[in-house]
Amino acid sequence: MKIGIIDYGAGNLQSVLNAFHALEADAVLITSPEELTDITHLVLPGQGEFGDCARKLEASGMTGSIKDWITADKPFLGICVGYQLLFEGSDESPETPGLGIFKGQNVRFEQEPGLKIPHMGWNAVKPTHPDHPMWNGLDQLPYFYYVHSYFPKAEEKEWIACTTEYGSQIFDGAVARGKLIATQFHPEKSQHAGLQLLKNFLALG
């Protein structure tokens, strides 16, 4: 087992790497398709503005390989903007397309009294399919760490893995399809719950 974390200049790479190393997993940073040869699990992190991340990913030459990887149903994990990039686009950067793996658009939280944007900190997630392997060993309402102003609004409801409530708004906190998992929250910053989810991701292989 070998985990490849895609380094395209737009991710929280060191903390993701450290989290996998804490699980004693063999994890490395990769920057080109040629480095996928012996990789068994692929991770797409991301933080920052959607358009900037999408353009950097395209420039890295990795977009085709990511699509092929997901089509082949190999273990794949998207985190934060790496989750958002799997959708068709974002209101944050209307001119820049996403990967289009899932149907839907990223939208911004609506303003409401007393609600701080970005959504930052710990919040409970409500699994929509509690029997999915990604939730193994976790509480019924596990807490994870979020930092974001935008989130995907998935059109294909069957792939939504959990929802999260912020203010009066409920958003799609993760998707899961086959051996693909993608989360708006940061498992690598979510202590025990996050490490357990990463452990569950490794078990998908």
Protein backbone atom coordinates (compact mmCIF):
# COMPACT_ATOMS: atom_id res chain seq x y z
CA MET A 1 0.00 0.00 0.00
CA LYS A 2 1.33 3.43 -0.99
CA ILE A 3 -0.52 6.73 -0.73
CA GLY A 4 0.14 9.47 -3.26
CA ILE A 5 -0.75 13.02 -2.18
CA ILE A 6 -1.01 15.31 -5.19
CA ASP A 7 1.24 18.35 -4.83
CA TYR A 8 -0.02 20.99 -7.27
CA GLY A 9 0.82 24.02 -5.16
CA ALA A 10 -2.60 24.43 -3.57
CA GLY A 11 -2.94 22.02 -0.68
CA ASN A 12 -2.37 21.63 3.01
CA LEU A 13 0.26 19.05 2.18
CA GLN A 14 2.38 18.67 5.29
CA SER A 15 -0.49 18.09 7.71
CA VAL A 16 -2.06 15.55 5.31
CA LEU A 17 1.29 13.80 5.00
CA ASN A 18 1.77 13.86 8.78
CA ALA A 19 -1.68 12.37 9.38
CA PHE A 20 -0.95 9.37 7.15
CA HIS A 21 2.48 8.97 8.74
CA ALA A 22 0.75 8.93 12.15
CA LEU A 23 -1.09 5.86 10.88
CA GLU A 24 2.30 4.41 9.86
CA ALA A 25 1.22 4.51 6.22
CA ASP A 26 3.66 4.91 3.34
CA ALA A 27 2.63 8.33 1.98
CA VAL A 28 4.52 10.51 -0.51
CA LEU A 29 3.97 13.73 -2.45
CA ILE A 30 3.56 13.34 -6.20
CA THR A 31 3.68 16.03 -8.90
CA SER A 32 3.27 14.13 -12.19
CA PRO A 33 1.34 11.19 -13.71
CA GLU A 34 4.58 9.25 -14.07
CA GLU A 35 4.77 8.95 -10.28
CA LEU A 36 1.47 7.04 -10.08
CA THR A 37 3.06 3.72 -11.07
CA ASP A 38 3.22 2.16 -7.60
CA ILE A 39 0.50 4.28 -5.93
CA THR A 40 -2.51 2.41 -4.51
CA HIS A 41 -4.41 5.31 -2.86
CA LEU A 42 -4.63 8.83 -4.32
CA VAL A 43 -5.35 12.01 -2.32
CA LEU A 44 -6.32 15.42 -3.73
CA PRO A 45 -6.02 18.10 -1.03
CA GLY A 46 -6.72 21.77 -1.62
CA GLN A 47 -7.15 25.09 0.09
CA GLY A 48 -7.71 28.60 -1.17
CA GLU A 49 -9.77 29.97 -4.02
CA PHE A 50 -11.54 27.48 -6.34
CA GLY A 51 -10.39 29.03 -9.62
CA ASP A 52 -6.78 29.29 -8.52
CA CYS A 53 -6.75 25.65 -7.38
CA ALA A 54 -8.43 24.46 -10.61
CA ARG A 55 -5.92 26.31 -12.78
CA LYS A 56 -2.95 25.00 -10.81
CA LEU A 57 -4.28 21.46 -11.02
CA GLU A 58 -4.73 21.77 -14.79
CA ALA A 59 -1.21 23.16 -15.13
CA SER A 60 0.17 20.21 -13.18
CA GLY A 61 -0.92 17.82 -15.92
CA MET A 62 -2.72 15.61 -13.40
CA THR A 63 -6.38 16.18 -14.35
CA GLY A 64 -6.57 13.38 -16.92
CA SER A 65 -4.89 10.92 -14.58
CA ILE A 66 -7.28 11.85 -11.75
CA LYS A 67 -10.30 11.22 -13.99
CA ASP A 68 -8.88 7.89 -15.17
CA TRP A 69 -8.12 6.89 -11.59
CA ILE A 70 -11.67 7.62 -10.44
CA THR A 71 -13.18 5.89 -13.50
CA ALA A 72 -11.14 2.79 -12.61
CA ASP A 73 -12.63 2.97 -9.07
CA LYS A 74 -9.29 3.03 -7.29
CA PRO A 75 -9.19 4.44 -3.72
CA PHE A 76 -9.43 8.25 -3.96
CA LEU A 77 -9.80 10.93 -1.29
CA GLY A 78 -10.64 14.59 -1.95
CA ILE A 79 -10.24 17.12 0.88
CA CYS A 80 -11.74 20.65 1.15
CA VAL A 81 -11.17 22.37 -2.22
CA GLY A 82 -10.07 18.93 -3.45
CA TYR A 83 -13.69 17.95 -2.74
CA GLN A 84 -15.13 21.05 -4.42
CA LEU A 85 -13.03 20.48 -7.56
CA LEU A 86 -14.87 17.20 -8.21
CA PHE A 87 -17.98 19.18 -9.14
CA GLU A 88 -18.80 21.12 -12.31
CA GLY A 89 -17.91 24.59 -11.11
CA SER A 90 -18.15 27.20 -8.38
CA ASP A 91 -19.88 30.54 -7.87
CA GLU A 92 -16.52 31.65 -6.45
CA SER A 93 -14.94 31.41 -9.94
CA PRO A 94 -17.75 31.14 -12.51
CA GLU A 95 -15.34 31.21 -15.44
CA THR A 96 -13.33 28.19 -14.29
CA PRO A 97 -14.72 24.65 -14.68
CA GLY A 98 -14.20 21.88 -12.15
CA LEU A 99 -13.47 18.24 -12.97
CA GLY A 100 -17.15 17.38 -13.42
CA ILE A 101 -16.95 14.01 -11.68
CA PHE A 102 -20.20 14.88 -9.91
CA LYS A 103 -23.06 17.07 -11.08
CA GLY A 104 -23.53 20.26 -9.10
CA GLN A 105 -22.15 23.69 -8.33
CA ASN A 106 -20.27 25.11 -5.35
CA VAL A 107 -22.23 27.89 -3.65
CA ARG A 108 -21.50 30.33 -0.83
CA PHE A 109 -23.15 30.33 2.56
CA GLU A 110 -26.02 32.77 2.71
CA GLN A 111 -25.65 35.66 5.11
CA GLU A 112 -27.74 35.43 8.25
CA PRO A 113 -27.63 37.31 11.56
CA GLY A 114 -24.81 36.16 13.83
CA LEU A 115 -23.38 33.71 11.29
CA LYS A 116 -19.66 34.05 10.66
CA ILE A 117 -18.36 33.31 7.18
CA PRO A 118 -16.10 31.44 6.65
CA HIS A 119 -17.47 28.50 8.60
CA MET A 120 -14.45 27.72 10.76
CA GLY A 121 -14.10 25.18 13.54
CA TRP A 122 -15.58 21.91 14.77
CA ASN A 123 -19.01 20.77 13.69
CA ALA A 124 -21.06 17.56 13.77
CA VAL A 125 -21.69 15.59 10.60
CA LYS A 126 -24.79 13.47 10.08
CA PRO A 127 -24.03 10.41 7.92
CA THR A 128 -26.72 9.75 5.31
CA HIS A 129 -25.49 6.18 4.87
CA PRO A 130 -24.21 5.23 8.36
CA ASP A 131 -23.27 1.73 7.21
CA HIS A 132 -20.74 3.05 4.68
CA PRO A 133 -17.19 1.86 5.51
CA MET A 134 -15.96 5.46 5.80
CA TRP A 135 -17.87 5.76 9.09
CA ASN A 136 -16.53 2.55 10.67
CA GLY A 137 -15.48 3.08 14.30
CA LEU A 138 -16.97 6.60 14.46
CA ASP A 139 -19.80 8.03 16.58
CA GLN A 140 -23.29 8.44 15.16
CA LEU A 141 -22.67 12.19 14.94
CA PRO A 142 -18.88 12.55 14.66
CA TYR A 143 -17.24 15.98 14.84
CA PHE A 144 -14.80 17.21 12.20
CA TYR A 145 -12.90 20.42 11.56
CA TYR A 146 -14.09 22.81 8.82
CA VAL A 147 -12.66 25.94 7.18
CA HIS A 148 -14.68 27.14 4.17
CA SER A 149 -17.06 29.73 2.73
CA TYR A 150 -18.27 27.65 -0.23
CA PHE A 151 -19.56 24.09 -0.49
CA PRO A 152 -20.84 21.78 -3.23
CA LYS A 153 -24.57 21.49 -3.81
CA ALA A 154 -24.74 17.97 -5.18
CA GLU A 155 -27.45 17.22 -7.73
CA GLU A 156 -27.02 13.43 -7.44
CA LYS A 157 -28.37 12.98 -3.93
CA GLU A 158 -27.51 9.28 -3.79
CA TRP A 159 -23.81 10.08 -3.49
CA ILE A 160 -24.11 12.46 -0.53
CA ALA A 161 -22.35 10.79 2.42
CA CYS A 162 -23.23 13.27 5.17
CA THR A 163 -24.79 16.64 5.85
CA THR A 164 -23.73 19.37 8.27
CA GLU A 165 -25.76 22.19 9.77
CA TYR A 166 -24.38 25.71 10.05
CA GLY A 167 -26.77 28.35 11.28
CA SER A 168 -30.07 27.55 9.58
CA GLN A 169 -28.29 26.08 6.52
CA ILE A 170 -27.72 22.40 5.86
CA PHE A 171 -24.99 21.52 3.37
CA ASP A 172 -23.45 18.43 1.82
CA GLY A 173 -20.39 17.65 3.93
CA ALA A 174 -19.05 14.72 1.91
CA VAL A 175 -19.69 12.38 -1.01
CA ALA A 176 -18.90 8.70 -1.41
CA ARG A 177 -19.11 6.53 -4.52
CA GLY A 178 -17.37 3.20 -4.90
CA LYS A 179 -13.84 3.67 -3.53
CA LEU A 180 -14.05 7.46 -3.78
CA ILE A 181 -14.51 9.59 -0.66
CA ALA A 182 -14.41 13.37 -0.65
CA THR A 183 -14.99 15.66 2.33
CA GLN A 184 -15.49 19.38 2.85
CA PHE A 185 -14.04 18.99 6.34
CA HIS A 186 -10.35 18.38 7.04
CA PRO A 187 -9.78 14.85 8.40
CA GLU A 188 -6.08 15.64 8.83
CA LYS A 189 -7.01 18.40 11.31
CA SER A 190 -9.77 16.45 13.06
CA GLN A 191 -7.74 14.50 15.63
CA HIS A 192 -9.10 11.03 16.52
CA ALA A 193 -12.17 11.16 14.25
CA GLY A 194 -10.08 12.33 11.32
CA LEU A 195 -7.44 9.65 11.77
CA GLN A 196 -10.17 7.01 12.00
CA LEU A 197 -11.68 8.22 8.73
CA LEU A 198 -8.25 8.15 7.04
CA LYS A 199 -7.77 4.63 8.40
CA ASN A 200 -11.13 3.66 6.89
CA PHE A 201 -10.05 5.17 3.57
CA LEU A 202 -6.89 3.05 3.60
CA ALA A 203 -9.02 -0.04 4.20
CA LEU A 204 -10.88 0.57 0.93
CA GLY A 205 -7.86 -0.77 -0.92
